[in-house]
N, C-alpha and C. Protein backbone atom coordinates (compact mmCIF):
# COMPACT_ATOMS: atom_id res chain seq x y z
N MET A 1 -3.00 22.73 -11.09
CA MET A 1 -1.86 23.52 -10.80
C MET A 1 -1.83 23.64 -9.23
N ASP A 2 -1.02 23.41 -8.79
CA ASP A 2 -1.01 23.94 -7.47
C ASP A 2 -1.86 25.97 -7.22
N LYS A 3 -2.60 25.83 -7.04
CA LYS A 3 -2.59 27.73 -6.87
C LYS A 3 -2.23 28.48 -5.62
N ARG A 4 -2.43 27.23 -4.62
CA ARG A 4 -1.10 28.57 -3.95
C ARG A 4 0.17 28.87 -4.05
N ASP A 5 1.37 28.23 -4.99
CA ASP A 5 2.01 28.47 -5.72
C ASP A 5 2.36 28.86 -7.04
N GLY A 6 1.41 29.15 -7.63
CA GLY A 6 1.17 30.16 -8.56
C GLY A 6 2.00 29.75 -9.87
N ARG A 7 2.63 28.23 -9.71
CA ARG A 7 2.73 27.77 -11.34
C ARG A 7 1.75 27.14 -12.09
N SER A 8 1.41 27.10 -13.22
CA SER A 8 0.52 26.26 -14.68
C SER A 8 1.31 25.39 -15.23
N GLY A 9 0.70 23.88 -15.41
CA GLY A 9 1.17 23.10 -15.77
C GLY A 9 2.46 21.91 -15.37
N GLU A 10 2.30 22.66 -14.13
CA GLU A 10 3.20 21.35 -12.68
C GLU A 10 2.14 20.94 -12.18
N LYS A 11 2.79 19.67 -11.80
CA LYS A 11 2.35 19.37 -10.95
C LYS A 11 2.52 18.40 -9.97
N PRO A 12 2.55 18.58 -9.07
CA PRO A 12 3.44 18.29 -7.60
C PRO A 12 3.90 17.39 -7.63
N GLU A 13 4.79 16.34 -7.67
CA GLU A 13 5.80 14.40 -7.07
C GLU A 13 4.81 14.36 -5.79
N LEU A 14 3.49 12.78 -6.77
CA LEU A 14 3.46 11.87 -5.27
C LEU A 14 4.75 11.97 -4.61
N ALA A 15 4.01 11.89 -3.44
CA ALA A 15 5.97 11.33 -1.67
C ALA A 15 4.98 10.10 -1.04
N LEU A 16 6.30 8.89 -0.84
CA LEU A 16 5.80 8.53 0.22
C LEU A 16 6.72 8.97 0.96
N ARG A 17 5.63 8.38 2.42
CA ARG A 17 6.53 8.70 3.25
C ARG A 17 6.56 8.68 4.58
N GLU A 18 7.07 7.65 5.39
CA GLU A 18 6.69 7.36 7.29
C GLU A 18 5.53 7.16 7.11
N ILE A 19 4.67 6.61 8.53
CA ILE A 19 3.97 6.98 8.75
C ILE A 19 3.98 7.58 10.27
N ASN A 20 3.52 8.27 10.35
CA ASN A 20 3.36 8.31 12.91
C ASN A 20 1.96 8.63 12.91
N LEU A 21 2.38 8.74 14.19
CA LEU A 21 1.14 8.82 14.75
C LEU A 21 0.25 10.87 14.99
N ALA A 22 0.78 10.97 14.23
CA ALA A 22 -0.50 12.61 13.68
C ALA A 22 -1.00 12.04 12.47
N ASP A 23 -0.44 10.79 11.85
CA ASP A 23 -1.92 10.53 10.90
C ASP A 23 -2.98 9.58 10.98
N ALA A 24 -2.85 9.21 11.95
CA ALA A 24 -3.78 8.71 13.20
C ALA A 24 -5.79 8.60 12.26
N GLU A 25 -5.94 10.52 12.58
CA GLU A 25 -6.96 10.17 11.72
C GLU A 25 -7.39 9.92 10.53
N PHE A 26 -5.56 10.25 9.26
CA PHE A 26 -6.55 9.94 8.26
C PHE A 26 -6.45 8.11 8.06
N ILE A 27 -5.38 6.70 8.59
CA ILE A 27 -5.31 5.91 9.04
C ILE A 27 -6.43 5.68 9.65
N HIS A 28 -6.87 6.25 10.82
CA HIS A 28 -9.01 5.38 10.84
C HIS A 28 -9.06 5.64 9.72
N ALA A 29 -9.98 7.30 9.04
CA ALA A 29 -10.53 6.93 7.91
C ALA A 29 -10.20 6.45 6.81
N LEU A 30 -8.74 5.23 6.56
CA LEU A 30 -9.01 5.14 5.68
C LEU A 30 -9.33 3.33 5.50
N TYR A 31 -8.26 3.24 7.15
CA TYR A 31 -9.40 1.83 7.81
C TYR A 31 -10.80 1.78 7.66
N THR A 32 -11.83 2.55 8.42
CA THR A 32 -13.01 2.51 8.40
C THR A 32 -14.03 2.84 7.40
N GLY A 33 -12.91 2.80 6.86
CA GLY A 33 -13.91 2.17 5.40
C GLY A 33 -13.62 1.41 4.71
N SER A 34 -15.67 2.10 3.70
CA SER A 34 -16.77 0.76 3.80
C SER A 34 -15.74 -0.79 2.48
N ASP A 35 -14.68 0.86 1.31
CA ASP A 35 -13.92 -0.31 -0.01
C ASP A 35 -13.29 -0.83 1.43
N PHE A 36 -11.99 -0.36 2.01
CA PHE A 36 -11.10 -1.02 2.83
C PHE A 36 -11.56 -2.25 3.17
N ARG A 37 -12.60 -2.32 3.80
CA ARG A 37 -13.25 -3.46 4.63
C ARG A 37 -12.90 -4.17 3.69
N GLN A 38 -14.25 -3.89 2.41
CA GLN A 38 -15.03 -4.92 2.53
C GLN A 38 -14.04 -5.80 1.41
N MET A 39 -12.69 -4.29 0.92
CA MET A 39 -11.69 -5.72 -0.26
C MET A 39 -10.26 -5.61 0.28
N ILE A 40 -9.63 -5.01 1.17
CA ILE A 40 -8.42 -5.83 2.00
C ILE A 40 -8.95 -5.93 3.15
N GLY A 41 -10.03 -5.84 4.47
CA GLY A 41 -10.10 -6.03 5.55
C GLY A 41 -10.73 -5.96 7.05
N ASP A 42 -10.54 -6.27 7.48
CA ASP A 42 -11.45 -5.57 9.09
C ASP A 42 -9.66 -5.45 9.52
N ARG A 43 -9.33 -4.30 10.53
CA ARG A 43 -8.02 -4.58 11.56
C ARG A 43 -8.22 -4.13 12.10
N GLY A 44 -9.70 -3.47 12.94
CA GLY A 44 -9.34 -4.05 14.37
C GLY A 44 -10.00 -2.82 14.81
N ILE A 45 -10.10 -1.33 14.09
CA ILE A 45 -9.73 -0.22 14.34
C ILE A 45 -10.89 0.35 13.73
N THR A 46 -11.82 0.85 15.02
CA THR A 46 -12.83 1.93 15.38
C THR A 46 -12.77 2.80 16.22
N SER A 47 -11.49 2.87 16.74
CA SER A 47 -11.32 3.95 17.77
C SER A 47 -10.11 5.22 16.66
N LEU A 48 -9.87 6.74 16.54
CA LEU A 48 -8.66 7.12 17.12
C LEU A 48 -7.50 6.48 17.50
N GLN A 49 -7.89 6.09 18.62
CA GLN A 49 -7.08 5.16 19.72
C GLN A 49 -6.28 4.31 19.22
N ASP A 50 -7.82 3.11 18.38
CA ASP A 50 -7.44 2.31 17.63
C ASP A 50 -6.31 2.26 16.33
N ALA A 51 -5.77 3.29 16.08
CA ALA A 51 -5.78 3.92 14.78
C ALA A 51 -4.05 4.11 14.94
N ARG A 52 -4.65 4.96 17.02
CA ARG A 52 -2.58 5.54 16.34
C ARG A 52 -2.42 3.60 17.32
N HIS A 53 -2.70 3.02 18.20
CA HIS A 53 -2.00 1.61 18.58
C HIS A 53 -1.57 1.08 17.17
N TYR A 54 -2.74 0.67 16.54
CA TYR A 54 -2.13 0.57 15.31
C TYR A 54 -0.96 1.18 14.50
N ILE A 55 -1.22 2.36 14.56
CA ILE A 55 0.50 2.47 14.27
C ILE A 55 1.77 2.88 14.21
N GLU A 56 1.90 2.34 15.63
CA GLU A 56 2.36 1.98 17.20
C GLU A 56 3.29 0.54 16.81
N GLN A 57 1.74 -0.05 17.08
CA GLN A 57 2.69 -2.15 17.19
C GLN A 57 2.34 -2.15 15.71
N ASN A 58 2.08 -1.63 14.50
CA ASN A 58 2.17 -2.58 13.29
C ASN A 58 2.84 -1.60 12.36
N ILE A 59 2.96 -0.52 11.59
CA ILE A 59 2.97 -0.26 10.33
C ILE A 59 4.96 0.65 10.71
N ARG A 60 4.97 1.43 12.46
CA ARG A 60 6.28 1.77 13.37
C ARG A 60 7.08 0.84 13.72
N ALA A 61 6.23 -0.55 13.75
CA ALA A 61 7.32 -1.71 14.34
C ALA A 61 8.50 -2.48 12.71
N SER A 62 6.47 -2.46 12.03
CA SER A 62 7.43 -2.77 10.23
C SER A 62 8.63 -2.49 10.39
N TYR A 63 8.81 -0.77 10.28
CA TYR A 63 10.33 0.12 10.15
C TYR A 63 10.52 -0.70 10.54
N GLN A 64 10.48 -0.58 12.18
CA GLN A 64 11.75 -1.21 13.36
C GLN A 64 12.63 -2.02 13.19
N LYS A 65 10.85 -3.29 12.37
CA LYS A 65 11.61 -4.78 12.57
C LYS A 65 12.29 -5.18 10.48
N HIS A 66 11.58 -4.19 9.72
CA HIS A 66 12.95 -5.14 8.45
C HIS A 66 12.76 -4.21 7.89
N GLY A 67 12.92 -2.84 7.98
CA GLY A 67 13.07 -1.62 7.30
C GLY A 67 12.49 -1.12 6.20
N PHE A 68 11.68 -1.63 6.12
CA PHE A 68 10.09 -0.89 6.35
C PHE A 68 8.54 -1.60 6.29
N GLY A 69 8.26 -0.82 5.12
CA GLY A 69 6.38 -0.79 6.46
C GLY A 69 5.58 -0.45 4.76
N LEU A 70 4.58 0.41 5.10
CA LEU A 70 3.21 1.31 5.20
C LEU A 70 4.35 2.57 4.50
N TRP A 71 3.83 3.68 3.63
CA TRP A 71 4.03 4.11 3.67
C TRP A 71 2.44 5.85 2.89
N LEU A 72 2.96 6.17 4.26
CA LEU A 72 1.67 7.56 3.44
C LEU A 72 1.72 7.90 2.62
N VAL A 73 0.85 7.72 1.38
CA VAL A 73 0.91 8.90 -0.21
C VAL A 73 0.26 9.30 0.43
N GLU A 74 1.25 10.76 -0.34
CA GLU A 74 0.31 12.18 -0.16
C GLU A 74 1.06 12.59 -2.02
N TYR A 75 -0.54 13.36 -2.21
CA TYR A 75 -0.46 14.14 -4.34
C TYR A 75 -0.67 15.13 -3.77
N GLN A 76 -0.16 16.86 -4.08
CA GLN A 76 -0.08 17.85 -3.26
C GLN A 76 -0.10 18.17 -2.02
N THR A 77 0.30 17.67 -1.52
CA THR A 77 0.20 17.14 0.32
C THR A 77 -0.56 16.91 0.30
N VAL A 78 -1.74 16.32 -0.01
CA VAL A 78 -2.59 16.27 0.47
C VAL A 78 -2.20 14.30 1.02
N ALA A 79 -2.52 13.73 1.98
CA ALA A 79 -2.70 12.18 2.75
C ALA A 79 -4.09 12.13 1.54
N VAL A 80 -3.93 10.70 0.54
CA VAL A 80 -4.46 9.97 -0.42
C VAL A 80 -4.49 8.92 -0.52
N GLY A 81 -3.74 8.28 0.14
CA GLY A 81 -3.53 6.55 0.69
C GLY A 81 -2.21 6.13 1.04
N ILE A 82 -2.06 5.32 1.13
CA ILE A 82 -1.00 4.25 1.82
C ILE A 82 -0.53 2.79 0.61
N CYS A 83 0.55 2.93 1.07
CA CYS A 83 1.69 1.99 -0.38
C CYS A 83 2.73 1.99 -0.09
N GLY A 84 2.75 0.68 0.06
CA GLY A 84 4.13 -0.02 1.07
C GLY A 84 4.48 -1.61 1.20
N LEU A 85 5.41 -2.25 1.17
CA LEU A 85 5.91 -3.55 1.67
C LEU A 85 4.57 -3.86 3.10
N VAL A 86 4.31 -5.23 2.77
CA VAL A 86 4.18 -6.27 4.66
C VAL A 86 4.87 -7.47 4.40
N LYS A 87 6.00 -8.22 5.31
CA LYS A 87 5.54 -8.22 5.00
C LYS A 87 5.50 -9.99 5.85
N ARG A 88 4.81 -10.69 5.96
CA ARG A 88 3.64 -11.58 6.23
C ARG A 88 4.11 -12.93 6.84
N ASP A 89 3.49 -13.47 8.35
CA ASP A 89 4.88 -15.36 8.27
C ASP A 89 4.37 -16.20 7.57
N HIS A 90 2.76 -16.01 6.88
CA HIS A 90 2.55 -16.46 5.98
C HIS A 90 3.01 -16.54 4.58
N LEU A 91 4.02 -15.56 4.09
CA LEU A 91 4.28 -15.30 2.91
C LEU A 91 6.27 -15.23 2.90
N PRO A 92 6.57 -15.96 2.20
CA PRO A 92 7.56 -16.43 1.90
C PRO A 92 8.92 -15.21 1.58
N TYR A 93 7.80 -13.63 1.12
CA TYR A 93 7.97 -13.00 0.97
C TYR A 93 7.64 -11.65 0.53
N PRO A 94 8.33 -10.43 0.69
CA PRO A 94 7.38 -9.12 1.49
C PRO A 94 6.07 -8.90 1.05
N ASP A 95 5.16 -8.65 0.67
CA ASP A 95 3.53 -8.70 0.31
C ASP A 95 3.84 -6.52 -0.30
N LEU A 96 3.70 -6.06 -1.44
CA LEU A 96 2.69 -4.72 -2.41
C LEU A 96 1.64 -5.01 -1.82
N GLY A 97 1.11 -3.65 -0.28
CA GLY A 97 0.05 -2.91 -0.29
C GLY A 97 0.26 -1.62 -0.24
N PHE A 98 -1.73 -1.79 -1.05
CA PHE A 98 -1.77 -0.08 -1.02
C PHE A 98 -3.91 -0.02 -0.92
N ALA A 99 -4.07 1.26 -0.84
CA ALA A 99 -5.09 1.55 -0.62
C ALA A 99 -4.97 2.99 -0.50
N LEU A 100 -6.25 3.48 -1.16
CA LEU A 100 -7.03 5.02 -1.17
C LEU A 100 -7.62 5.31 -0.34
N LEU A 101 -8.31 6.39 0.19
CA LEU A 101 -9.94 6.99 -0.56
C LEU A 101 -10.41 7.07 -2.07
N PRO A 102 -11.30 6.62 -1.66
CA PRO A 102 -12.70 6.34 -2.40
C PRO A 102 -12.00 7.96 -3.72
N GLU A 103 -11.92 9.01 -3.07
CA GLU A 103 -12.35 10.42 -3.60
C GLU A 103 -11.26 10.81 -4.42
N TYR A 104 -10.22 9.09 -4.50
CA TYR A 104 -8.63 9.50 -6.01
C TYR A 104 -9.10 7.60 -6.24
N TYR A 105 -9.82 7.69 -6.20
CA TYR A 105 -9.82 6.16 -7.36
C TYR A 105 -8.95 7.33 -8.86
N GLY A 106 -8.68 6.22 -9.68
CA GLY A 106 -8.66 6.74 -11.65
C GLY A 106 -8.62 7.80 -11.67
N GLN A 107 -6.69 8.68 -10.51
CA GLN A 107 -5.91 9.45 -10.88
C GLN A 107 -4.70 9.04 -11.12
N GLY A 108 -4.48 7.22 -11.28
CA GLY A 108 -2.83 6.69 -11.32
C GLY A 108 -2.32 7.22 -10.66
N LEU A 109 -2.95 7.63 -9.44
CA LEU A 109 -2.36 7.17 -8.18
C LEU A 109 -1.92 6.15 -7.43
N ALA A 110 -2.58 5.46 -7.09
CA ALA A 110 -2.21 3.53 -6.59
C ALA A 110 -1.08 3.10 -7.29
N ARG A 111 -1.17 3.58 -9.20
CA ARG A 111 -0.18 2.52 -9.56
C ARG A 111 0.94 3.46 -9.28
N SER A 112 0.94 4.65 -9.40
CA SER A 112 2.21 6.02 -9.21
C SER A 112 2.70 5.20 -8.04
N ALA A 113 1.93 5.42 -7.31
CA ALA A 113 2.75 4.85 -5.61
C ALA A 113 3.62 3.21 -5.82
N ALA A 114 2.71 2.77 -6.43
CA ALA A 114 2.78 1.60 -6.31
C ALA A 114 4.65 1.14 -6.92
N ALA A 115 4.32 1.12 -8.53
CA ALA A 115 5.55 1.95 -9.31
C ALA A 115 6.48 2.37 -7.80
N LYS A 116 6.76 3.43 -7.67
CA LYS A 116 7.92 4.28 -6.55
C LYS A 116 7.90 2.98 -5.24
N THR A 117 6.86 2.20 -4.87
CA THR A 117 7.80 0.77 -4.10
C THR A 117 8.33 -0.17 -4.66
N LEU A 118 8.17 0.11 -5.78
CA LEU A 118 9.12 -0.97 -6.67
C LEU A 118 10.96 -0.96 -6.49
N GLU A 119 10.59 0.75 -7.61
CA GLU A 119 11.47 0.95 -7.28
C GLU A 119 12.39 1.19 -5.75
N ARG A 120 12.13 1.83 -5.24
CA ARG A 120 12.48 1.78 -4.00
C ARG A 120 12.65 0.20 -3.72
N ALA A 121 11.98 -0.61 -3.98
CA ALA A 121 11.77 -1.88 -2.96
C ALA A 121 13.21 -3.05 -3.91
N HIS A 122 13.33 -2.42 -4.76
CA HIS A 122 14.88 -3.06 -5.76
C HIS A 122 16.11 -2.10 -5.39
N GLN A 123 16.21 -0.26 -5.27
CA GLN A 123 16.77 -0.30 -5.56
C GLN A 123 17.99 0.66 -4.13
N GLN A 124 16.39 1.18 -3.32
CA GLN A 124 16.82 0.53 -1.98
C GLN A 124 16.97 0.02 -0.54
N LEU A 125 16.85 -1.59 -0.83
CA LEU A 125 16.57 -2.46 0.51
C LEU A 125 16.50 -3.87 -0.63
N HIS A 126 17.04 -2.91 -1.42
CA HIS A 126 17.49 -4.86 -2.31
C HIS A 126 16.10 -5.49 -2.74
N LEU A 127 15.33 -6.19 -2.56
CA LEU A 127 14.66 -6.76 -2.81
C LEU A 127 14.32 -7.24 -3.40
N SER A 128 13.95 -8.98 -4.70
CA SER A 128 14.40 -8.78 -6.13
C SER A 128 12.87 -9.59 -6.04
N THR A 129 12.44 -9.91 -5.06
CA THR A 129 11.33 -10.75 -5.83
C THR A 129 9.77 -10.38 -4.06
N LEU A 130 8.70 -9.86 -5.11
CA LEU A 130 8.00 -8.93 -3.66
C LEU A 130 6.41 -10.61 -4.54
N LEU A 131 5.57 -10.36 -3.76
CA LEU A 131 4.56 -10.81 -3.89
C LEU A 131 3.31 -10.05 -3.85
N ALA A 132 2.49 -10.03 -3.48
CA ALA A 132 0.97 -9.31 -4.35
C ALA A 132 -0.30 -10.33 -3.26
N ILE A 133 -0.93 -10.03 -2.53
CA ILE A 133 -1.95 -10.61 -2.58
C ILE A 133 -3.46 -10.25 -3.01
N THR A 134 -4.55 -10.18 -3.15
CA THR A 134 -5.44 -9.45 -3.51
C THR A 134 -7.14 -9.98 -2.63
N SER A 135 -8.21 -9.44 -2.69
CA SER A 135 -9.23 -11.06 -3.47
C SER A 135 -9.24 -10.65 -4.18
N PRO A 136 -10.78 -12.16 -3.93
CA PRO A 136 -10.31 -12.61 -5.43
C PRO A 136 -11.95 -11.66 -6.84
N THR A 137 -12.49 -10.87 -5.64
CA THR A 137 -13.46 -10.08 -6.43
C THR A 137 -12.50 -8.70 -6.77
N ASN A 138 -11.37 -8.50 -5.83
CA ASN A 138 -10.78 -7.18 -6.78
C ASN A 138 -9.61 -6.92 -7.45
N GLN A 139 -10.59 -6.63 -8.62
CA GLN A 139 -10.46 -6.72 -9.86
C GLN A 139 -9.74 -5.60 -10.38
N ARG A 140 -9.60 -4.15 -9.98
CA ARG A 140 -9.18 -3.10 -9.65
C ARG A 140 -8.06 -3.78 -9.32
N SER A 141 -7.21 -3.97 -8.04
CA SER A 141 -6.27 -4.05 -7.43
C SER A 141 -5.50 -5.22 -8.80
N GLN A 142 -5.67 -6.21 -9.08
CA GLN A 142 -5.54 -7.12 -9.84
C GLN A 142 -5.16 -7.31 -10.76
N LYS A 143 -5.94 -5.99 -11.23
CA LYS A 143 -5.39 -5.47 -12.93
C LYS A 143 -4.28 -3.95 -13.16
N LEU A 144 -4.30 -3.04 -11.71
CA LEU A 144 -2.61 -2.99 -11.93
C LEU A 144 -1.64 -3.48 -11.24
N LEU A 145 -1.61 -4.57 -10.47
CA LEU A 145 -0.95 -5.49 -10.59
C LEU A 145 -0.47 -6.51 -11.47
N LEU A 146 -1.17 -6.26 -12.18
CA LEU A 146 -0.73 -6.81 -13.46
C LEU A 146 0.29 -6.23 -15.15
N ALA A 147 -0.58 -4.63 -14.68
CA ALA A 147 -0.17 -3.00 -15.30
C ALA A 147 1.47 -3.61 -14.26
N LEU A 148 1.81 -2.97 -13.98
CA LEU A 148 3.66 -2.96 -13.24
C LEU A 148 3.82 -4.09 -13.37
N GLY A 149 3.51 -5.11 -13.96
CA GLY A 149 4.99 -6.39 -14.24
C GLY A 149 4.46 -7.51 -13.15
N PHE A 150 3.70 -7.94 -12.20
CA PHE A 150 3.23 -9.01 -11.00
C PHE A 150 2.28 -9.92 -12.09
N LYS A 151 2.80 -11.54 -11.90
CA LYS A 151 2.13 -12.44 -12.65
C LYS A 151 1.68 -12.88 -12.35
N PRO A 152 0.81 -13.60 -12.13
CA PRO A 152 -0.33 -14.67 -11.23
C PRO A 152 0.51 -15.66 -10.75
N VAL A 153 0.49 -16.10 -9.19
CA VAL A 153 0.46 -18.03 -9.40
C VAL A 153 -0.67 -18.35 -7.89
N THR A 154 0.51 -19.82 -7.57
CA THR A 154 -0.12 -20.05 -6.81
C THR A 154 -0.94 -19.36 -5.83
N ALA A 155 -2.02 -19.42 -5.76
CA ALA A 155 -3.88 -19.03 -4.49
C ALA A 155 -2.16 -19.23 -3.33
N VAL A 156 -2.47 -17.87 -1.87
CA VAL A 156 -2.43 -18.63 -0.84
C VAL A 156 -4.00 -18.41 -0.22
N VAL A 157 -3.23 -19.20 1.16
CA VAL A 157 -4.84 -18.61 1.96
C VAL A 157 -4.68 -18.17 2.89
N ASP A 158 -5.08 -17.07 3.44
CA ASP A 158 -4.89 -16.63 4.80
C ASP A 158 -5.18 -17.83 5.87
N PRO A 159 -3.96 -17.49 6.37
CA PRO A 159 -4.42 -18.15 7.32
C PRO A 159 -5.27 -17.04 8.71
N HIS A 160 -6.01 -16.38 9.21
CA HIS A 160 -6.44 -16.18 9.27
C HIS A 160 -8.28 -16.12 9.16
N THR A 161 -8.45 -15.73 8.25
CA THR A 161 -9.99 -16.14 7.69
C THR A 161 -10.12 -17.85 6.95
N GLY A 162 -8.87 -18.01 6.60
CA GLY A 162 -9.26 -19.47 5.57
C GLY A 162 -9.59 -19.12 3.87
N GLN A 163 -9.65 -17.65 4.15
CA GLN A 163 -10.08 -17.03 2.03
C GLN A 163 -8.40 -17.29 1.47
N GLU A 164 -8.89 -17.98 0.54
CA GLU A 164 -8.39 -17.60 -1.28
C GLU A 164 -8.59 -16.86 -0.97
N LEU A 165 -6.83 -16.62 -1.63
CA LEU A 165 -6.30 -15.12 -1.89
C LEU A 165 -5.42 -15.04 -3.33
N ALA A 166 -6.72 -14.02 -4.32
CA ALA A 166 -5.11 -14.22 -5.41
C ALA A 166 -4.02 -13.39 -5.02
N THR A 167 -3.69 -14.08 -5.91
CA THR A 167 -1.88 -14.31 -5.24
C THR A 167 -0.82 -14.26 -6.45
N PHE A 168 0.24 -12.77 -6.66
CA PHE A 168 0.66 -12.12 -7.76
C PHE A 168 2.34 -12.32 -7.22
N ALA A 169 2.95 -12.60 -8.33
CA ALA A 169 4.37 -12.52 -8.13
C ALA A 169 5.24 -11.55 -9.22
N TRP A 170 6.18 -10.21 -8.15
CA TRP A 170 6.95 -9.42 -9.36
C TRP A 170 8.48 -9.87 -8.78
N GLN A 171 9.57 -9.87 -9.68
CA GLN A 171 10.27 -9.92 -9.58
C GLN A 171 10.95 -8.48 -10.61
N ALA A 172 12.49 -8.53 -9.78
CA ALA A 172 13.38 -7.51 -11.04
C ALA A 172 13.73 -7.33 -11.39
N LYS A 173 14.21 -7.36 -12.41
CA LYS A 173 14.52 -6.69 -13.73
C LYS A 173 16.29 -6.34 -13.63
N GLU A 174 16.80 -6.85 -13.67
CA GLU A 174 18.57 -6.20 -13.54
C GLU A 174 19.56 -4.60 -13.88
N SER A 175 17.98 -4.51 -14.96
CA SER A 175 17.81 -3.14 -15.62
C SER A 175 17.00 -1.28 -15.07
N GLN A 176 16.76 -2.54 -13.70
CA GLN A 176 15.42 -0.94 -13.18
C GLN A 176 16.47 -0.30 -12.37
């Protein structure tokens, strides 16, 4: 219940929106967290200036170049994570990416955000195939991907780290 609006029993909708420079503090907090760095990787963000640069050069640039990217996940008007699509040069299809602040784990928010992203990918972006990559030890994300209908496929190797990544593929159903 959101006590500010006086309604009980109603859950505010989870929202996805484009990330902008005003989100630099949140991006800094998320990307410098130990879980993010361990499970996803170090993106070289150590300061708010680094976060602003990353937003401009990576996230917002992806919106311009591909028409999609990572979106901010808001729940009850609070930024809780990111979810969206990333086009990597070494992968033939865009891949689904998501990350939450640890205090929001286990609440179904990543699943809801990922499901909204898949719907947007198919309905608005007309993408019928997506990939997802995780570190081999990231069992939580792998379980979520399987629940969303992704299937394991041949692992890919990250060209930057040489690490073999657990790889999954999703095919849109025509009735979606």
